[in-house]
Amino acid sequence: MKTTRNSDTVLFTAKGQIVIPSWLRKEFQIEAGSKAIVQPTPDGILLKPVTRHTIAKLHGILKRKPGGKPLAEEWAEHKRDEKELEDRRR
């Protein structure tokens, strides 16, 4: 995944809705009806899209393959990758 920009500006409607810029929707494969996890952080609001792409990426993560990495190790790698991605975006 290649980020072409670092940030953009959005406006909140009276109902608290925003429009995610098209370049971010494309990058994160966000389609109509996509859901997202919303979390408060010390820096503000973190919005994590839950798309078919992210679900497919996680599909089978709990099923252990013979000789494969333990779930804890795989999960730690996933969290490290996620943190690196967030740090690159900042």
Protein backbone atom coordinates (compact mmCIF):
# COMPACT_ATOMS: atom_id res chain seq x y z
CA MET A 1 0.00 0.00 0.00
CA LYS A 2 1.47 3.31 -1.06
CA THR A 3 0.34 6.52 0.59
CA THR A 4 0.41 9.38 -1.88
CA ARG A 5 -0.33 12.11 0.66
CA ASN A 6 0.12 12.54 4.40
CA SER A 7 -3.09 14.33 5.26
CA ASP A 8 -6.20 16.02 3.99
CA THR A 9 -8.97 18.18 5.43
CA VAL A 10 -12.60 17.15 5.92
CA LEU A 11 -15.66 18.95 7.28
CA PHE A 12 -18.12 17.61 9.83
CA THR A 13 -21.84 17.94 9.07
CA ALA A 14 -24.38 18.91 11.72
CA LYS A 15 -24.89 15.17 12.31
CA GLY A 16 -21.15 14.58 12.80
CA GLN A 17 -20.70 12.92 9.42
CA ILE A 18 -17.62 13.36 7.24
CA VAL A 19 -16.66 12.39 3.71
CA ILE A 20 -13.43 10.40 3.47
CA PRO A 21 -11.38 11.79 0.55
CA SER A 22 -11.45 9.59 -2.56
CA TRP A 23 -7.68 8.94 -2.52
CA LEU A 24 -8.02 7.42 0.98
CA ARG A 25 -11.11 5.42 -0.01
CA LYS A 26 -9.18 3.97 -2.94
CA GLU A 27 -6.06 3.27 -0.89
CA PHE A 28 -7.98 1.43 1.83
CA GLN A 29 -10.49 -0.16 -0.57
CA ILE A 30 -13.45 1.47 1.19
CA GLU A 31 -16.70 0.90 -0.68
CA ALA A 32 -20.30 1.96 -0.03
CA GLY A 33 -21.50 0.17 3.09
CA SER A 34 -18.01 -0.43 4.51
CA LYS A 35 -17.82 -0.35 8.28
CA ALA A 36 -15.12 1.08 10.51
CA ILE A 37 -13.93 0.83 14.07
CA VAL A 38 -13.74 4.21 15.81
CA GLN A 39 -11.41 4.59 18.80
CA PRO A 40 -10.43 7.55 20.95
CA THR A 41 -6.65 8.05 21.18
CA PRO A 42 -4.46 10.62 22.94
CA ASP A 43 -3.96 12.26 19.51
CA GLY A 44 -7.62 12.31 18.48
CA ILE A 45 -10.01 9.89 16.81
CA LEU A 46 -8.68 6.77 15.07
CA LEU A 47 -10.86 5.41 12.27
CA LYS A 48 -10.02 1.84 11.16
CA PRO A 49 -11.87 0.64 8.06
CA VAL A 50 -13.16 -2.93 8.15
CA THR A 51 -13.22 -3.91 4.48
CA ARG A 52 -13.26 -7.14 2.52
CA HIS A 53 -9.52 -6.65 2.04
CA THR A 54 -8.80 -6.47 5.79
CA ILE A 55 -11.13 -9.38 6.52
CA ALA A 56 -9.49 -11.49 3.79
CA LYS A 57 -6.07 -10.59 5.18
CA LEU A 58 -7.10 -11.90 8.60
CA HIS A 59 -9.00 -14.93 7.29
CA GLY A 60 -7.51 -18.09 8.76
CA ILE A 61 -5.29 -16.26 11.26
CA LEU A 62 -6.68 -18.36 14.12
CA LYS A 63 -6.23 -21.65 12.29
CA ARG A 64 -2.75 -22.91 13.11
CA LYS A 65 -0.70 -24.58 10.41
CA PRO A 66 1.55 -27.47 11.43
CA GLY A 67 4.99 -26.02 12.18
CA GLY A 68 3.65 -22.48 11.84
CA LYS A 69 4.25 -19.55 14.17
CA PRO A 70 2.29 -19.45 17.43
CA LEU A 71 -0.74 -17.13 17.35
CA ALA A 72 0.84 -14.79 19.92
CA GLU A 73 3.90 -14.30 17.68
CA GLU A 74 1.81 -13.78 14.55
CA TRP A 75 -0.44 -11.31 16.38
CA ALA A 76 2.58 -9.38 17.70
CA GLU A 77 3.91 -9.09 14.12
CA HIS A 78 0.50 -7.91 12.92
CA LYS A 79 0.35 -5.24 15.64
CA ARG A 80 3.93 -4.12 14.83
CA ASP A 81 3.01 -3.81 11.14
CA GLU A 82 -0.14 -1.88 12.05
CA LYS A 83 1.82 0.52 14.30
CA GLU A 84 4.46 1.08 11.60
CA LEU A 85 1.72 1.91 9.10
CA GLU A 86 0.14 4.40 11.53
CA ASP A 87 3.55 5.97 12.28
CA ARG A 88 4.28 6.37 8.54
CA ARG A 89 0.96 8.15 8.08
CA ARG A 90 1.81 10.74 10.74
